[in-house]
Amino acid sequence: MRYLRVSPQKARLVLELIKGKRVEDARNTLLFTKKRVAAHVGKLLQSALDNANFLSAEKNLDVEIDNLYVKSAIANDGPRMKRIRPAPQGRAYRYQRRISHITVILAERGKSGDAGPRHAGDSRTVEAAPAKGKRKVSTAKVASKKKVAAR
């Protein structure tokens, strides 16, 4: 699910409740969770279950619907909308409306792979940026400053 108008922090609260649970237990948990995002996550979980059902029926992949569980549930940042709120004395305060992208992956118990084939665009690797070294301060500048201060 992409571009959902809820902050990722609030979405992660609900996603932590269903990680590692069987699909049926996760659906029941979401049904009785009193968070607005729980309804959206429930729809997403149902969509993932329908995709697994489609793979087992139409594509003839061996997927046991009863053995599915939530392998991972992730909420990432989306683009932020910058807004302005009126403030006293003609000023304006800026605030940001956060958007999240939610991903739910189902897998079967006892199998290492997930419920469906992964596309090349789904697996994202994050490479660490090279560490920046400290700037070297020229000793000539420091020495000239000391001479000026001594005068």
N, C-alpha and C. Protein backbone atom coordinates (compact mmCIF):
# COMPACT_ATOMS: atom_id res chain seq x y z
N MET A 1 0.85 -1.15 0.00
CA MET A 1 0.00 0.00 0.00
C MET A 1 0.91 1.23 0.00
N ARG A 2 0.65 2.12 -0.91
CA ARG A 2 1.51 3.28 -1.05
C ARG A 2 0.70 4.55 -0.85
N TYR A 3 1.38 5.59 -0.37
CA TYR A 3 0.81 6.92 -0.16
C TYR A 3 -0.39 6.91 0.77
N LEU A 4 -0.25 6.23 1.89
CA LEU A 4 -1.31 6.20 2.90
C LEU A 4 -1.12 7.40 3.82
N ARG A 5 -2.17 8.15 4.08
CA ARG A 5 -2.08 9.39 4.85
C ARG A 5 -2.09 9.12 6.35
N VAL A 6 -1.07 8.45 6.81
CA VAL A 6 -0.84 8.21 8.23
C VAL A 6 0.66 8.21 8.44
N SER A 7 1.10 8.64 9.61
CA SER A 7 2.54 8.67 9.83
C SER A 7 3.06 7.24 9.98
N PRO A 8 4.27 6.98 9.52
CA PRO A 8 4.83 5.64 9.63
C PRO A 8 4.96 5.18 11.08
N GLN A 9 5.18 6.10 12.00
CA GLN A 9 5.31 5.73 13.40
C GLN A 9 4.00 5.13 13.92
N LYS A 10 2.88 5.72 13.55
CA LYS A 10 1.59 5.20 13.98
C LYS A 10 1.28 3.87 13.30
N ALA A 11 1.68 3.73 12.04
CA ALA A 11 1.45 2.48 11.32
C ALA A 11 2.28 1.35 11.92
N ARG A 12 3.51 1.65 12.35
CA ARG A 12 4.37 0.62 12.93
C ARG A 12 3.79 0.06 14.23
N LEU A 13 3.05 0.89 14.98
CA LEU A 13 2.42 0.40 16.20
C LEU A 13 1.47 -0.76 15.90
N VAL A 14 0.71 -0.64 14.83
CA VAL A 14 -0.24 -1.70 14.45
C VAL A 14 0.48 -2.87 13.81
N LEU A 15 1.49 -2.60 13.00
CA LEU A 15 2.20 -3.68 12.31
C LEU A 15 2.96 -4.57 13.28
N GLU A 16 3.43 -4.01 14.40
CA GLU A 16 4.12 -4.82 15.40
C GLU A 16 3.19 -5.85 16.03
N LEU A 17 1.88 -5.57 16.02
CA LEU A 17 0.92 -6.49 16.61
C LEU A 17 0.74 -7.76 15.78
N ILE A 18 0.97 -7.67 14.47
CA ILE A 18 0.66 -8.82 13.61
C ILE A 18 1.90 -9.55 13.09
N LYS A 19 3.09 -9.03 13.33
CA LYS A 19 4.30 -9.70 12.81
C LYS A 19 4.44 -11.08 13.43
N GLY A 20 4.68 -12.06 12.57
CA GLY A 20 4.92 -13.43 13.02
C GLY A 20 3.67 -14.23 13.33
N LYS A 21 2.49 -13.65 13.25
CA LYS A 21 1.26 -14.36 13.56
C LYS A 21 0.71 -15.04 12.32
N ARG A 22 -0.11 -16.06 12.55
CA ARG A 22 -0.84 -16.68 11.45
C ARG A 22 -1.79 -15.65 10.86
N VAL A 23 -2.16 -15.82 9.60
CA VAL A 23 -2.99 -14.84 8.90
C VAL A 23 -4.34 -14.68 9.59
N GLU A 24 -4.93 -15.79 10.01
CA GLU A 24 -6.24 -15.72 10.66
C GLU A 24 -6.15 -14.97 11.99
N ASP A 25 -5.11 -15.23 12.76
CA ASP A 25 -4.92 -14.51 14.02
C ASP A 25 -4.64 -13.03 13.79
N ALA A 26 -3.89 -12.72 12.75
CA ALA A 26 -3.59 -11.33 12.42
C ALA A 26 -4.86 -10.59 12.01
N ARG A 27 -5.72 -11.24 11.26
CA ARG A 27 -6.98 -10.60 10.85
C ARG A 27 -7.86 -10.32 12.06
N ASN A 28 -7.93 -11.26 13.01
CA ASN A 28 -8.72 -11.04 14.22
C ASN A 28 -8.12 -9.93 15.07
N THR A 29 -6.82 -9.87 15.15
CA THR A 29 -6.17 -8.81 15.91
C THR A 29 -6.47 -7.44 15.31
N LEU A 30 -6.39 -7.34 13.99
CA LEU A 30 -6.67 -6.06 13.33
C LEU A 30 -8.14 -5.66 13.44
N LEU A 31 -9.01 -6.66 13.49
CA LEU A 31 -10.43 -6.38 13.57
C LEU A 31 -10.79 -5.69 14.89
N PHE A 32 -10.07 -6.03 15.98
CA PHE A 32 -10.37 -5.48 17.29
C PHE A 32 -9.36 -4.43 17.77
N THR A 33 -8.53 -3.94 16.87
CA THR A 33 -7.58 -2.89 17.22
C THR A 33 -8.23 -1.54 17.00
N LYS A 34 -8.13 -0.66 18.00
CA LYS A 34 -8.79 0.65 17.92
C LYS A 34 -7.87 1.71 17.36
N LYS A 35 -7.29 1.47 16.22
CA LYS A 35 -6.48 2.46 15.52
C LYS A 35 -7.05 2.62 14.13
N ARG A 36 -7.01 3.84 13.61
CA ARG A 36 -7.58 4.10 12.28
C ARG A 36 -6.84 3.34 11.19
N VAL A 37 -5.53 3.18 11.35
CA VAL A 37 -4.74 2.52 10.33
C VAL A 37 -4.99 1.00 10.31
N ALA A 38 -5.59 0.45 11.35
CA ALA A 38 -5.83 -1.00 11.41
C ALA A 38 -6.76 -1.46 10.28
N ALA A 39 -7.73 -0.64 9.91
CA ALA A 39 -8.63 -1.00 8.82
C ALA A 39 -7.88 -1.07 7.50
N HIS A 40 -6.95 -0.14 7.27
CA HIS A 40 -6.17 -0.14 6.04
C HIS A 40 -5.21 -1.33 6.00
N VAL A 41 -4.60 -1.65 7.12
CA VAL A 41 -3.70 -2.80 7.18
C VAL A 41 -4.49 -4.09 6.99
N GLY A 42 -5.72 -4.13 7.50
CA GLY A 42 -6.58 -5.29 7.29
C GLY A 42 -6.89 -5.51 5.82
N LYS A 43 -7.16 -4.42 5.09
CA LYS A 43 -7.39 -4.54 3.65
C LYS A 43 -6.14 -5.01 2.93
N LEU A 44 -5.00 -4.52 3.36
CA LEU A 44 -3.74 -4.93 2.75
C LEU A 44 -3.46 -6.40 3.01
N LEU A 45 -3.73 -6.86 4.22
CA LEU A 45 -3.54 -8.27 4.56
C LEU A 45 -4.48 -9.16 3.74
N GLN A 46 -5.72 -8.71 3.56
CA GLN A 46 -6.67 -9.46 2.75
C GLN A 46 -6.22 -9.52 1.29
N SER A 47 -5.64 -8.44 0.79
CA SER A 47 -5.12 -8.42 -0.58
C SER A 47 -3.96 -9.40 -0.74
N ALA A 48 -3.08 -9.44 0.26
CA ALA A 48 -1.97 -10.38 0.20
C ALA A 48 -2.47 -11.82 0.25
N LEU A 49 -3.51 -12.06 1.04
CA LEU A 49 -4.10 -13.40 1.12
C LEU A 49 -4.76 -13.78 -0.21
N ASP A 50 -5.42 -12.83 -0.84
CA ASP A 50 -6.03 -13.08 -2.15
C ASP A 50 -4.97 -13.36 -3.21
N ASN A 51 -3.84 -12.66 -3.13
CA ASN A 51 -2.74 -12.91 -4.06
C ASN A 51 -2.19 -14.32 -3.89
N ALA A 52 -2.05 -14.76 -2.64
CA ALA A 52 -1.57 -16.13 -2.39
C ALA A 52 -2.58 -17.16 -2.88
N ASN A 53 -3.87 -16.86 -2.70
CA ASN A 53 -4.93 -17.74 -3.17
C ASN A 53 -4.91 -17.83 -4.69
N PHE A 54 -4.68 -16.71 -5.36
CA PHE A 54 -4.59 -16.67 -6.81
C PHE A 54 -3.41 -17.52 -7.29
N LEU A 55 -2.27 -17.40 -6.60
CA LEU A 55 -1.09 -18.18 -6.98
C LEU A 55 -1.34 -19.68 -6.85
N SER A 56 -2.06 -20.07 -5.80
CA SER A 56 -2.31 -21.50 -5.61
C SER A 56 -3.33 -22.03 -6.61
N ALA A 57 -4.32 -21.22 -6.97
CA ALA A 57 -5.38 -21.69 -7.87
C ALA A 57 -5.01 -21.56 -9.34
N GLU A 58 -4.55 -20.39 -9.76
CA GLU A 58 -4.36 -20.12 -11.17
C GLU A 58 -2.96 -20.47 -11.68
N LYS A 59 -1.96 -20.20 -10.88
CA LYS A 59 -0.59 -20.41 -11.33
C LYS A 59 -0.03 -21.79 -10.94
N ASN A 60 -0.86 -22.59 -10.28
CA ASN A 60 -0.50 -23.95 -9.88
C ASN A 60 0.75 -24.02 -9.02
N LEU A 61 0.95 -23.01 -8.17
CA LEU A 61 2.02 -23.06 -7.19
C LEU A 61 1.47 -23.71 -5.92
N ASP A 62 2.29 -24.46 -5.26
CA ASP A 62 1.86 -25.19 -4.07
C ASP A 62 1.90 -24.27 -2.85
N VAL A 63 0.76 -23.61 -2.58
CA VAL A 63 0.66 -22.71 -1.44
C VAL A 63 -0.50 -23.17 -0.56
N GLU A 64 -0.20 -23.51 0.68
CA GLU A 64 -1.23 -23.89 1.66
C GLU A 64 -1.72 -22.61 2.33
N ILE A 65 -2.96 -22.24 2.10
CA ILE A 65 -3.50 -21.00 2.65
C ILE A 65 -3.56 -21.06 4.18
N ASP A 66 -3.82 -22.24 4.73
CA ASP A 66 -3.94 -22.38 6.19
C ASP A 66 -2.60 -22.23 6.90
N ASN A 67 -1.49 -22.45 6.20
CA ASN A 67 -0.17 -22.38 6.84
C ASN A 67 0.51 -21.02 6.67
N LEU A 68 -0.18 -20.04 6.09
CA LEU A 68 0.44 -18.75 5.86
C LEU A 68 0.54 -17.95 7.16
N TYR A 69 1.62 -17.19 7.27
CA TYR A 69 1.82 -16.28 8.40
C TYR A 69 2.44 -14.99 7.88
N VAL A 70 2.40 -13.97 8.70
CA VAL A 70 2.95 -12.66 8.33
C VAL A 70 4.45 -12.70 8.57
N LYS A 71 5.20 -12.80 7.49
CA LYS A 71 6.66 -12.89 7.60
C LYS A 71 7.26 -11.55 7.99
N SER A 72 6.84 -10.49 7.33
CA SER A 72 7.31 -9.16 7.70
C SER A 72 6.24 -8.14 7.35
N ALA A 73 6.22 -7.08 8.14
CA ALA A 73 5.30 -5.97 7.93
C ALA A 73 6.09 -4.69 8.19
N ILE A 74 6.22 -3.86 7.16
CA ILE A 74 7.10 -2.70 7.22
C ILE A 74 6.32 -1.45 6.85
N ALA A 75 6.58 -0.36 7.57
CA ALA A 75 6.03 0.95 7.22
C ALA A 75 7.19 1.91 6.98
N ASN A 76 7.31 2.38 5.77
CA ASN A 76 8.39 3.30 5.40
C ASN A 76 7.83 4.70 5.15
N ASP A 77 8.71 5.69 5.17
CA ASP A 77 8.32 7.06 4.90
C ASP A 77 7.97 7.25 3.43
N GLY A 78 6.95 8.05 3.20
CA GLY A 78 6.62 8.49 1.86
C GLY A 78 7.00 9.96 1.75
N PRO A 79 6.59 10.61 0.69
CA PRO A 79 6.88 12.05 0.58
C PRO A 79 6.08 12.83 1.62
N ARG A 80 6.66 13.89 2.12
CA ARG A 80 5.98 14.70 3.13
C ARG A 80 5.34 15.91 2.47
N MET A 81 4.15 16.25 2.94
CA MET A 81 3.47 17.43 2.43
C MET A 81 3.74 18.58 3.39
N LYS A 82 4.29 19.65 2.89
CA LYS A 82 4.59 20.81 3.72
C LYS A 82 3.37 21.72 3.76
N ARG A 83 2.96 22.07 4.96
CA ARG A 83 1.80 22.92 5.15
C ARG A 83 2.17 24.09 6.04
N ILE A 84 1.34 25.13 6.01
CA ILE A 84 1.59 26.34 6.80
C ILE A 84 0.38 26.61 7.68
N ARG A 85 0.64 26.89 8.96
CA ARG A 85 -0.40 27.23 9.91
C ARG A 85 -0.24 28.69 10.32
N PRO A 86 -1.31 29.47 10.32
CA PRO A 86 -1.18 30.87 10.74
C PRO A 86 -0.72 30.96 12.19
N ALA A 87 0.12 31.94 12.46
CA ALA A 87 0.67 32.14 13.79
C ALA A 87 0.45 33.59 14.20
N PRO A 88 0.67 33.91 15.45
CA PRO A 88 0.45 35.29 15.91
C PRO A 88 1.35 36.30 15.21
N GLN A 89 0.89 37.52 15.17
CA GLN A 89 1.61 38.67 14.64
C GLN A 89 2.02 38.48 13.17
N GLY A 90 1.15 37.88 12.38
CA GLY A 90 1.38 37.75 10.95
C GLY A 90 2.39 36.70 10.54
N ARG A 91 2.87 35.92 11.49
CA ARG A 91 3.84 34.88 11.14
C ARG A 91 3.14 33.61 10.67
N ALA A 92 3.94 32.67 10.19
CA ALA A 92 3.40 31.39 9.73
C ALA A 92 4.31 30.28 10.23
N TYR A 93 3.71 29.27 10.81
CA TYR A 93 4.46 28.09 11.27
C TYR A 93 4.31 26.99 10.24
N ARG A 94 5.42 26.35 9.92
CA ARG A 94 5.37 25.23 8.96
C ARG A 94 5.25 23.92 9.71
N TYR A 95 4.47 23.02 9.16
CA TYR A 95 4.40 21.66 9.69
C TYR A 95 4.32 20.70 8.53
N GLN A 96 4.53 19.43 8.80
CA GLN A 96 4.58 18.43 7.74
C GLN A 96 3.53 17.36 7.96
N ARG A 97 2.84 17.02 6.89
CA ARG A 97 1.87 15.93 6.92
C ARG A 97 2.60 14.70 6.39
N ARG A 98 2.70 13.69 7.22
CA ARG A 98 3.49 12.51 6.85
C ARG A 98 2.64 11.49 6.10
N ILE A 99 3.31 10.79 5.20
CA ILE A 99 2.69 9.76 4.37
C ILE A 99 3.55 8.50 4.50
N SER A 100 2.92 7.34 4.44
CA SER A 100 3.69 6.10 4.61
C SER A 100 3.39 5.11 3.49
N HIS A 101 4.38 4.26 3.25
CA HIS A 101 4.24 3.12 2.34
C HIS A 101 4.31 1.87 3.22
N ILE A 102 3.30 1.01 3.12
CA ILE A 102 3.24 -0.18 3.96
C ILE A 102 3.40 -1.42 3.10
N THR A 103 4.25 -2.34 3.56
CA THR A 103 4.50 -3.60 2.87
C THR A 103 4.24 -4.76 3.82
N VAL A 104 3.47 -5.74 3.36
CA VAL A 104 3.21 -6.95 4.14
C VAL A 104 3.63 -8.14 3.29
N ILE A 105 4.45 -9.02 3.86
CA ILE A 105 4.92 -10.21 3.15
C ILE A 105 4.43 -11.43 3.91
N LEU A 106 3.78 -12.34 3.19
CA LEU A 106 3.30 -13.59 3.76
C LEU A 106 4.22 -14.73 3.35
N ALA A 107 4.33 -15.72 4.22
CA ALA A 107 5.12 -16.91 3.91
C ALA A 107 4.43 -18.12 4.53
N GLU A 108 4.85 -19.29 4.06
CA GLU A 108 4.31 -20.53 4.62
C GLU A 108 5.20 -21.04 5.73
N ARG A 109 4.61 -21.61 6.74
CA ARG A 109 5.39 -22.23 7.81
C ARG A 109 6.13 -23.43 7.24
N GLY A 110 7.40 -23.54 7.58
CA GLY A 110 8.18 -24.69 7.13
C GLY A 110 8.88 -24.48 5.81
N LYS A 111 8.58 -23.35 5.12
CA LYS A 111 9.26 -23.05 3.86
C LYS A 111 10.07 -21.79 4.03
N SER A 112 11.17 -21.70 3.31
CA SER A 112 12.04 -20.51 3.46
C SER A 112 11.57 -19.36 2.59
N GLY A 113 10.90 -19.62 1.49
CA GLY A 113 10.47 -18.56 0.58
C GLY A 113 9.18 -17.93 1.04
N ASP A 114 8.80 -16.80 0.44
CA ASP A 114 7.54 -16.18 0.78
C ASP A 114 6.45 -16.69 -0.15
N ALA A 115 5.24 -16.17 -0.04
CA ALA A 115 4.08 -16.72 -0.71
C ALA A 115 4.13 -16.59 -2.22
N GLY A 116 4.86 -15.64 -2.73
CA GLY A 116 4.85 -15.44 -4.17
C GLY A 116 6.22 -15.11 -4.70
N PRO A 117 6.35 -15.10 -6.03
CA PRO A 117 7.64 -14.72 -6.61
C PRO A 117 7.91 -13.25 -6.37
N ARG A 118 9.15 -12.94 -6.12
CA ARG A 118 9.54 -11.55 -5.88
C ARG A 118 10.04 -10.96 -7.19
N HIS A 119 9.73 -9.72 -7.37
CA HIS A 119 10.21 -9.01 -8.54
C HIS A 119 11.55 -8.37 -8.22
N ALA A 120 12.29 -8.03 -9.24
CA ALA A 120 13.61 -7.43 -9.02
C ALA A 120 13.49 -6.10 -8.31
N GLY A 121 12.40 -5.37 -8.54
CA GLY A 121 12.22 -4.07 -7.90
C GLY A 121 11.84 -4.17 -6.43
N ASP A 122 11.37 -5.36 -5.97
CA ASP A 122 10.94 -5.49 -4.59
C ASP A 122 12.10 -5.58 -3.62
N SER A 123 13.20 -6.20 -4.06
CA SER A 123 14.31 -6.37 -3.13
C SER A 123 15.23 -5.16 -3.24
N ARG A 124 15.21 -4.35 -2.21
CA ARG A 124 16.01 -3.13 -2.22
C ARG A 124 17.15 -3.30 -1.24
N THR A 125 18.32 -2.98 -1.69
CA THR A 125 19.47 -3.04 -0.80
C THR A 125 19.90 -1.62 -0.50
N VAL A 126 20.29 -1.43 0.74
CA VAL A 126 20.74 -0.11 1.16
C VAL A 126 22.24 -0.17 1.35
N GLU A 127 22.92 0.66 0.62
CA GLU A 127 24.37 0.69 0.75
C GLU A 127 24.75 1.85 1.66
N ALA A 128 25.67 1.58 2.54
CA ALA A 128 26.12 2.62 3.46
C ALA A 128 26.98 3.62 2.70
N ALA A 129 26.78 4.88 2.99
CA ALA A 129 27.59 5.92 2.36
C ALA A 129 28.98 5.91 2.97
N PRO A 130 30.00 6.19 2.19
CA PRO A 130 31.35 6.21 2.75
C PRO A 130 31.46 7.27 3.83
N ALA A 131 32.17 6.95 4.88
CA ALA A 131 32.32 7.90 5.98
C ALA A 131 33.19 9.06 5.55
N LYS A 132 32.79 10.25 5.96
CA LYS A 132 33.55 11.43 5.61
C LYS A 132 34.61 11.66 6.67
N GLY A 133 35.80 11.95 6.22
CA GLY A 133 36.89 12.20 7.15
C GLY A 133 36.80 13.60 7.73
N LYS A 134 37.48 13.82 8.82
CA LYS A 134 37.47 15.14 9.44
C LYS A 134 38.31 16.09 8.59
N ARG A 135 37.88 17.33 8.57
CA ARG A 135 38.64 18.32 7.83
C ARG A 135 39.92 18.64 8.58
N LYS A 136 40.98 18.78 7.85
CA LYS A 136 42.24 19.16 8.47
C LYS A 136 42.35 20.68 8.47
N VAL A 137 42.66 21.21 9.61
CA VAL A 137 42.80 22.66 9.74
C VAL A 137 44.27 23.00 9.50
N SER A 138 44.46 23.99 8.67
CA SER A 138 45.82 24.39 8.37
C SER A 138 46.47 25.00 9.61
N THR A 139 47.67 24.56 9.91
CA THR A 139 48.37 25.08 11.09
C THR A 139 48.87 26.49 10.84
N ALA A 140 49.04 26.90 9.58
CA ALA A 140 49.51 28.24 9.27
C ALA A 140 48.46 29.28 9.69
N LYS A 141 47.17 28.96 9.47
CA LYS A 141 46.11 29.88 9.85
C LYS A 141 46.03 30.01 11.37
N VAL A 142 46.17 28.91 12.07
CA VAL A 142 46.11 28.92 13.52
C VAL A 142 47.28 29.73 14.08
N ALA A 143 48.46 29.57 13.52
CA ALA A 143 49.63 30.31 14.00
C ALA A 143 49.47 31.80 13.76
N SER A 144 48.89 32.19 12.62
CA SER A 144 48.73 33.61 12.34
C SER A 144 47.70 34.23 13.28
N LYS A 145 46.68 33.49 13.67
CA LYS A 145 45.69 34.00 14.62
C LYS A 145 46.32 34.23 16.00
N LYS A 146 47.22 33.35 16.39
CA LYS A 146 47.88 33.49 17.70
C LYS A 146 48.76 34.74 17.70
N LYS A 147 49.41 35.03 16.56
CA LYS A 147 50.27 36.22 16.49
C LYS A 147 49.44 37.49 16.60
N VAL A 148 48.25 37.50 15.96
CA VAL A 148 47.40 38.67 16.00
C VAL A 148 46.90 38.88 17.44
N ALA A 149 46.56 37.79 18.10
CA ALA A 149 46.05 37.91 19.46
C ALA A 149 47.16 38.37 20.42
N ALA A 150 48.41 38.03 20.17
CA ALA A 150 49.51 38.39 21.04
C ALA A 150 49.87 39.85 20.91
N ARG A 151 49.60 40.47 19.79
CA ARG A 151 49.98 41.88 19.57
C ARG A 151 49.21 42.84 20.38
